[in-house]
């Protein structure tokens, strides 16, 4: 059972990036005046963070969202822990934690970590989720207007965490993962990165205001056109910059101009609304190039990927973020996330104030 004197958080993350997630949680905790520590197992897909400072834990819970955590897809406040969950009566052991909390819940999610171990738990998650929802309905504990969501995190068949999230500061998808389908007409799977970036890093109002038909964009490293497709799909005109070939169907749209030039040398003849970039290059070099575009006013906003090194990845991310902020005088709205469709990389959104 959990220690009531401690305040435990659970963060879902990409398997293999538990160390970076733990570093990020520790950094934010320190900024909030906490004295917490992380427990992480490589490849597990989650990090547990424990602190004795309740106020620091609450402030950490408000950190996620597009302007918050990079490596934590979802951050939950744990209200109960079980490490010896019986197979014959899981619900009976978990319910006392739920019943001890007086809140009503807008929804109930039973989740497991990303990766192979989590997929093996998917059938159990579905069954337990259905049973828990039925129980909560019978007790009249579900209220769609509540800001609180109840989570049960199954870390293994016998380990579970009962947890809470605030819908205003958490993603609207279980595990923080939007499940997207590859459009048939898209030239490559990389199109899902930009679609997820728009969904994750912008809210509904921003997408409606900032992604308008008739806008202009530049796609650096565009071929074969996965990211360009997302822009054309929104009726945005694109200059596709790449020495490689573009998808013929995409070019037939009439909204794409293909320029076979170096993405690190190209300069637009006039400012554009959007810059997008998924070039395979050292992250500092890409960050410096993006900073040049933003600082010179060549684009209003940008979405780009930073391919991370094998070591000191969190340090590299911090360095690149600082480089971007230092290069742009005046306000810079900077948001970043390691997306579900990212691999050894993060995706960044930047907008000049």
Protein backbone atom coordinates (compact mmCIF):
# COMPACT_ATOMS: atom_id res chain seq x y z
CA UNK A 1 0.00 0.00 0.00
CA UNK A 2 1.10 3.60 -0.57
CA UNK A 3 2.63 5.76 2.16
CA UNK A 4 0.22 8.66 2.88
CA UNK A 5 3.14 10.87 3.93
CA UNK A 6 4.53 10.72 0.41
CA UNK A 7 3.10 12.26 -2.75
CA UNK A 8 3.72 9.99 -5.69
CA UNK A 9 3.39 10.89 -9.34
CA UNK A 10 3.37 8.51 -12.28
CA UNK A 11 4.54 9.62 -15.71
CA UNK A 12 3.97 7.67 -18.91
CA UNK A 13 6.82 8.04 -21.40
CA UNK A 14 8.37 6.40 -24.44
CA UNK A 15 10.18 3.15 -23.51
CA UNK A 16 13.92 3.81 -23.43
CA UNK A 17 13.50 7.44 -22.36
CA UNK A 18 12.74 6.83 -18.69
CA UNK A 19 16.05 8.47 -17.69
CA UNK A 20 15.27 11.66 -19.60
CA UNK A 21 11.75 11.74 -18.17
CA UNK A 22 13.15 11.33 -14.65
CA UNK A 23 15.65 14.15 -15.23
CA UNK A 24 12.90 16.42 -16.46
CA UNK A 25 10.65 15.68 -13.48
CA UNK A 26 13.56 16.33 -11.10
CA UNK A 27 14.33 19.62 -12.82
CA UNK A 28 10.72 20.85 -12.56
CA UNK A 29 10.46 19.63 -8.97
CA UNK A 30 13.57 21.61 -8.05
CA UNK A 31 12.13 24.73 -9.72
CA UNK A 32 9.00 24.29 -7.60
CA UNK A 33 11.02 23.97 -4.40
CA UNK A 34 10.48 20.24 -3.93
CA UNK A 35 12.93 17.60 -2.73
CA UNK A 36 11.63 14.62 -4.65
CA UNK A 37 13.30 11.70 -6.35
CA UNK A 38 12.49 9.47 -9.30
CA UNK A 39 12.40 5.71 -9.68
CA UNK A 40 12.75 4.44 -13.22
CA UNK A 41 13.50 1.15 -14.93
CA UNK A 42 14.82 1.35 -18.48
CA UNK A 43 12.37 0.05 -21.05
CA UNK A 44 9.40 0.12 -18.67
CA UNK A 45 7.59 3.06 -20.32
CA UNK A 46 6.93 4.89 -17.04
CA UNK A 47 8.61 6.80 -14.22
CA UNK A 48 7.46 7.11 -10.61
CA UNK A 49 8.35 10.33 -8.82
CA UNK A 50 8.04 10.71 -5.08
CA UNK A 51 8.13 13.87 -3.00
CA UNK A 52 7.35 14.84 0.59
CA UNK A 53 6.23 18.32 -0.50
CA UNK A 54 2.50 18.36 -1.31
CA UNK A 55 2.60 21.85 -2.83
CA UNK A 56 5.46 20.89 -5.15
CA UNK A 57 3.51 17.80 -6.22
CA UNK A 58 0.46 19.93 -7.02
CA UNK A 59 2.51 22.39 -9.05
CA UNK A 60 4.13 19.54 -10.95
CA UNK A 61 0.67 18.25 -11.80
CA UNK A 62 -0.11 21.56 -13.48
CA UNK A 63 3.11 21.48 -15.52
CA UNK A 64 2.02 19.05 -18.29
CA UNK A 65 0.27 20.26 -21.40
CA UNK A 66 1.76 21.82 -24.54
CA UNK A 67 3.85 24.30 -22.54
CA UNK A 68 5.06 21.78 -19.98
CA UNK A 69 6.75 18.41 -20.02
CA UNK A 70 8.68 17.15 -23.04
CA UNK A 71 9.28 13.50 -22.17
CA UNK A 72 6.23 12.84 -19.96
CA UNK A 73 3.27 12.04 -22.19
CA UNK A 74 0.91 12.04 -19.22
CA UNK A 75 1.46 12.85 -15.55
CA UNK A 76 -0.82 11.35 -12.90
CA UNK A 77 -1.17 11.91 -9.15
CA UNK A 78 -1.15 8.51 -7.42
CA UNK A 79 -3.71 8.02 -4.63
CA UNK A 80 -3.14 4.30 -4.11
CA UNK A 81 -0.50 1.67 -4.85
CA UNK A 82 -0.76 -2.11 -4.89
CA UNK A 83 2.20 -4.39 -5.65
CA UNK A 84 0.49 -7.71 -4.91
CA UNK A 85 -2.78 -7.40 -6.81
CA UNK A 86 -4.66 -10.73 -6.59
CA UNK A 87 -5.78 -12.21 -9.88
CA UNK A 88 -9.12 -13.37 -8.46
CA UNK A 89 -10.36 -10.00 -7.08
CA UNK A 90 -8.50 -7.06 -8.57
CA UNK A 91 -11.48 -4.73 -8.41
CA UNK A 92 -12.15 -5.51 -4.76
CA UNK A 93 -8.60 -4.49 -3.82
CA UNK A 94 -8.59 -1.31 -5.91
CA UNK A 95 -12.02 0.05 -4.95
CA UNK A 96 -11.15 1.11 -1.37
CA UNK A 97 -8.71 3.69 -2.80
CA UNK A 98 -11.44 5.04 -5.08
CA UNK A 99 -14.09 5.06 -2.37
CA UNK A 100 -11.78 6.91 0.02
CA UNK A 101 -11.65 9.81 -2.46
CA UNK A 102 -14.76 12.02 -2.37
CA UNK A 103 -14.43 13.35 -5.92
CA UNK A 104 -16.74 12.47 -8.78
CA UNK A 105 -15.06 11.51 -12.05
CA UNK A 106 -15.66 12.59 -15.61
CA UNK A 107 -14.23 9.33 -16.92
CA UNK A 108 -12.34 6.18 -15.97
CA UNK A 109 -9.25 4.93 -17.80
CA UNK A 110 -7.43 1.66 -17.11
CA UNK A 111 -4.05 1.97 -18.82
CA UNK A 112 -0.78 0.11 -19.28
CA UNK A 113 2.67 1.28 -20.39
CA UNK A 114 3.58 1.72 -24.04
CA UNK A 115 5.58 -1.15 -25.50
CA UNK A 116 5.41 -4.94 -25.62
CA UNK A 117 4.76 -5.45 -21.90
CA UNK A 118 1.89 -2.98 -22.00
CA UNK A 119 0.31 -4.58 -25.04
CA UNK A 120 0.27 -7.92 -23.23
CA UNK A 121 -1.93 -6.23 -20.60
CA UNK A 122 -4.39 -4.71 -23.08
CA UNK A 123 -7.09 -7.40 -22.72
CA UNK A 124 -6.91 -7.19 -18.92
CA UNK A 125 -7.13 -3.38 -19.12
CA UNK A 126 -10.28 -3.54 -21.23
CA UNK A 127 -11.98 -6.03 -18.92
CA UNK A 128 -11.07 -4.13 -15.77
CA UNK A 129 -12.07 -0.82 -17.35
CA UNK A 130 -15.54 -2.15 -18.18
CA UNK A 131 -16.00 -3.55 -14.66
CA UNK A 132 -14.81 -0.31 -13.04
CA UNK A 133 -17.09 1.89 -15.17
CA UNK A 134 -20.06 -0.33 -14.31
CA UNK A 135 -19.22 -0.06 -10.63
CA UNK A 136 -18.80 3.71 -10.77
CA UNK A 137 -22.12 4.13 -12.59
CA UNK A 138 -23.91 2.03 -10.00
CA UNK A 139 -22.46 4.23 -7.25
CA UNK A 140 -23.33 7.43 -9.21
CA UNK A 141 -19.69 8.59 -9.12
CA UNK A 142 -19.50 9.57 -12.81
CA UNK A 143 -20.15 13.21 -13.72
CA UNK A 144 -19.18 14.40 -17.21
CA UNK A 145 -18.79 17.93 -15.87
CA UNK A 146 -16.14 16.97 -13.32
CA UNK A 147 -12.57 18.21 -13.98
CA UNK A 148 -11.16 14.99 -12.51
CA UNK A 149 -10.38 11.76 -14.34
CA UNK A 150 -9.79 8.46 -12.55
CA UNK A 151 -6.90 6.29 -13.78
CA UNK A 152 -5.84 2.77 -12.95
CA UNK A 153 -2.31 2.14 -14.20
CA UNK A 154 -1.55 -1.55 -14.60
CA UNK A 155 2.23 -1.86 -14.51
CA UNK A 156 2.04 -5.67 -14.53
CA UNK A 157 -0.70 -8.25 -13.84
CA UNK A 158 -0.02 -7.81 -10.11
CA UNK A 159 1.11 -4.15 -9.83
CA UNK A 160 -1.31 -1.25 -10.06
CA UNK A 161 -1.52 2.44 -9.27
CA UNK A 162 -4.82 4.22 -8.68
CA UNK A 163 -4.32 7.79 -9.86
CA UNK A 164 -5.97 11.09 -10.73
CA UNK A 165 -5.53 13.69 -13.47
CA UNK A 166 -7.02 17.12 -14.01
CA UNK A 167 -8.48 17.30 -17.52
CA UNK A 168 -7.32 20.91 -17.90
CA UNK A 169 -3.66 19.88 -17.49
CA UNK A 170 -3.58 16.45 -19.13
CA UNK A 171 -3.92 14.93 -22.56
CA UNK A 172 -7.35 13.74 -23.77
CA UNK A 173 -6.01 10.31 -24.76
CA UNK A 174 -5.20 7.25 -22.61
CA UNK A 175 -1.46 7.11 -22.01
CA UNK A 176 -1.18 10.52 -23.65
CA UNK A 177 -1.17 8.81 -27.06
CA UNK A 178 -3.47 9.95 -29.89
CA UNK A 179 -4.23 6.93 -32.08
CA UNK A 180 -3.96 8.21 -35.65
CA UNK A 181 -4.60 6.45 -38.95
CA UNK A 182 -2.22 6.86 -41.85
CA UNK A 183 -4.09 8.68 -44.66
CA UNK A 184 -4.08 6.64 -47.86
CA UNK A 185 -2.89 9.56 -49.97
CA UNK A 186 0.00 10.52 -47.68
CA UNK A 187 3.43 9.83 -49.23
CA UNK A 188 5.05 8.54 -46.01
CA UNK A 189 4.34 7.63 -42.38
CA UNK A 190 6.19 10.74 -41.26
CA UNK A 191 2.98 12.64 -41.99
CA UNK A 192 1.66 11.32 -38.66
CA UNK A 193 4.37 13.25 -36.78
CA UNK A 194 3.10 16.59 -38.01
CA UNK A 195 -0.53 15.62 -37.50
CA UNK A 196 0.24 14.60 -33.92
CA UNK A 197 2.26 17.78 -33.40
CA UNK A 198 -0.72 19.92 -34.41
CA UNK A 199 -3.00 17.89 -32.11
CA UNK A 200 -0.62 17.83 -29.14
CA UNK A 201 1.18 21.16 -29.23
CA UNK A 202 -1.75 23.37 -30.27
CA UNK A 203 -5.20 23.58 -28.73
CA UNK A 204 -8.47 23.70 -30.68
CA UNK A 205 -8.61 27.50 -30.76
CA UNK A 206 -5.00 27.81 -31.94
CA UNK A 207 -5.46 25.24 -34.70
CA UNK A 208 -8.51 27.12 -35.94
CA UNK A 209 -6.73 30.49 -35.88
CA UNK A 210 -3.23 29.54 -37.02
CA UNK A 211 -3.89 26.86 -39.67
CA UNK A 212 -5.92 28.69 -42.29
CA UNK A 213 -6.55 27.89 -45.97
CA UNK A 214 -4.53 30.17 -48.21
CA UNK A 215 -1.58 30.51 -45.84
CA UNK A 216 1.99 29.94 -47.03
CA UNK A 217 4.60 27.52 -45.75
CA UNK A 218 8.10 26.21 -46.36
CA UNK A 219 9.00 22.56 -45.74
CA UNK A 220 12.76 22.07 -45.32
CA UNK A 221 13.83 18.51 -46.13
CA UNK A 222 10.42 17.84 -47.63
CA UNK A 223 10.86 14.73 -49.83
CA UNK A 224 8.83 12.66 -50.43
CA UNK A 225 6.26 14.98 -48.86
CA UNK A 226 4.82 13.51 -45.65
CA UNK A 227 4.84 16.85 -43.80
CA UNK A 228 3.95 18.82 -46.93
CA UNK A 229 0.84 16.62 -47.29
CA UNK A 230 -0.48 17.77 -43.90
CA UNK A 231 -0.22 21.40 -45.01
CA UNK A 232 -1.72 20.82 -48.46
CA UNK A 233 -4.53 18.86 -46.82
CA UNK A 234 -5.34 22.15 -45.03
CA UNK A 235 -5.17 24.12 -48.34
CA UNK A 236 -1.87 25.79 -47.41
CA UNK A 237 0.58 26.63 -50.21
CA UNK A 238 3.99 25.02 -49.71
CA UNK A 239 7.50 25.54 -51.01
CA UNK A 240 9.04 22.07 -50.67
CA UNK A 241 12.81 22.34 -50.24
CA UNK A 242 14.71 19.11 -50.95
CA UNK A 243 17.12 17.69 -53.52
CA UNK A 244 15.13 14.44 -53.49
CA UNK A 245 11.95 13.68 -55.48
CA UNK A 246 8.49 14.67 -54.26
CA UNK A 247 5.39 12.51 -54.48
CA UNK A 248 3.77 13.02 -57.96
CA UNK A 249 0.19 12.98 -56.57
CA UNK A 250 1.12 15.67 -54.08
CA UNK A 251 2.68 17.81 -56.80
CA UNK A 252 -0.52 17.47 -58.85
CA UNK A 253 -2.41 19.36 -56.14
CA UNK A 254 -1.16 22.65 -57.56
CA UNK A 255 -0.30 23.85 -54.05
CA UNK A 256 3.35 22.73 -53.99
CA UNK A 257 6.42 24.34 -55.53
CA UNK A 258 9.42 21.99 -55.39
CA UNK A 259 12.85 23.64 -55.16
CA UNK A 260 15.90 21.38 -55.34
CA UNK A 261 18.14 23.39 -53.03
CA UNK A 262 19.91 22.87 -49.69
CA UNK A 263 17.60 23.37 -46.72
CA UNK A 264 20.43 24.96 -44.73
CA UNK A 265 21.02 27.58 -47.41
CA UNK A 266 17.54 28.41 -48.66
CA UNK A 267 16.05 31.80 -47.78
CA UNK A 268 12.43 32.63 -48.69
CA UNK A 269 11.86 35.63 -50.99
CA UNK A 270 9.17 36.83 -48.56
CA UNK A 271 8.03 35.83 -45.04
CA UNK A 272 5.74 32.82 -44.74
CA UNK A 273 3.17 31.77 -42.17
CA UNK A 274 4.69 28.36 -41.41
CA UNK A 275 8.07 26.69 -41.44
CA UNK A 276 8.21 22.92 -40.96
CA UNK A 277 11.36 20.84 -40.90
CA UNK A 278 12.18 17.16 -40.41
CA UNK A 279 15.80 17.14 -41.61
CA UNK A 280 18.20 14.48 -40.34
CA UNK A 281 21.00 16.55 -38.86
CA UNK A 282 22.66 17.35 -35.54
CA UNK A 283 20.06 18.90 -33.21
CA UNK A 284 22.11 22.02 -32.46
CA UNK A 285 22.53 22.73 -36.16
CA UNK A 286 18.79 22.35 -36.78
CA UNK A 287 17.97 24.50 -33.73
CA UNK A 288 20.35 27.21 -34.95
CA UNK A 289 18.75 27.15 -38.39
CA UNK A 290 15.24 27.40 -36.91
CA UNK A 291 16.40 30.24 -34.67
CA UNK A 292 17.69 32.08 -37.76
CA UNK A 293 14.30 31.83 -39.46
CA UNK A 294 12.42 32.99 -36.37
CA UNK A 295 14.83 35.78 -35.43
CA UNK A 296 14.81 37.22 -38.98
CA UNK A 297 11.03 37.08 -39.23
CA UNK A 298 11.10 34.69 -42.20
CA UNK A 299 8.24 32.74 -40.62
CA UNK A 300 5.56 33.43 -38.02
CA UNK A 301 5.62 29.93 -36.53
CA UNK A 302 7.53 26.71 -36.95
CA UNK A 303 7.29 22.99 -36.22
CA UNK A 304 10.49 20.99 -36.38
CA UNK A 305 12.15 17.82 -35.14
CA UNK A 306 15.41 17.59 -33.21
CA UNK A 307 17.14 14.21 -33.65
CA UNK A 308 18.73 13.40 -30.31
CA UNK A 309 22.17 11.89 -29.66
CA UNK A 310 22.61 8.52 -27.97
CA UNK A 311 24.02 10.07 -24.78
CA UNK A 312 23.14 13.12 -22.66
CA UNK A 313 19.87 13.56 -24.54
CA UNK A 314 18.18 15.68 -21.88
CA UNK A 315 21.20 18.00 -21.71
CA UNK A 316 21.09 18.38 -25.50
CA UNK A 317 17.40 19.27 -25.41
CA UNK A 318 18.01 21.95 -22.75
CA UNK A 319 20.89 23.37 -24.77
CA UNK A 320 18.78 23.57 -27.95
CA UNK A 321 15.87 25.23 -26.13
CA UNK A 322 18.22 27.82 -24.64
CA UNK A 323 19.76 28.42 -28.06
CA UNK A 324 16.33 29.17 -29.52
CA UNK A 325 15.35 31.52 -26.70
CA UNK A 326 18.65 33.40 -26.75
CA UNK A 327 18.58 33.90 -30.53
CA UNK A 328 15.09 35.45 -30.63
CA UNK A 329 14.71 38.85 -29.08
CA UNK A 330 11.27 39.45 -27.65
CA UNK A 331 8.58 36.91 -26.71
CA UNK A 332 8.92 33.39 -28.06
CA UNK A 333 6.22 30.78 -27.44
CA UNK A 334 8.23 27.55 -27.29
CA UNK A 335 6.65 24.12 -26.76
CA UNK A 336 8.14 20.66 -27.21
CA UNK A 337 7.09 17.05 -26.81
CA UNK A 338 8.41 13.61 -27.59
CA UNK A 339 5.48 12.41 -29.65
CA UNK A 340 4.22 8.86 -29.94
CA UNK A 341 5.27 8.88 -33.62
CA UNK A 342 8.73 10.25 -32.79
CA UNK A 343 11.62 7.89 -32.23
CA UNK A 344 15.02 9.19 -31.10
CA UNK A 345 13.80 12.76 -31.40
CA UNK A 346 11.49 15.44 -30.06
CA UNK A 347 9.13 17.78 -31.90
CA UNK A 348 9.15 21.52 -31.22
CA UNK A 349 6.63 24.27 -31.91
CA UNK A 350 7.82 27.88 -31.87
CA UNK A 351 5.90 31.11 -32.49
CA UNK A 352 7.06 34.70 -32.39
CA UNK A 353 5.04 36.92 -30.07
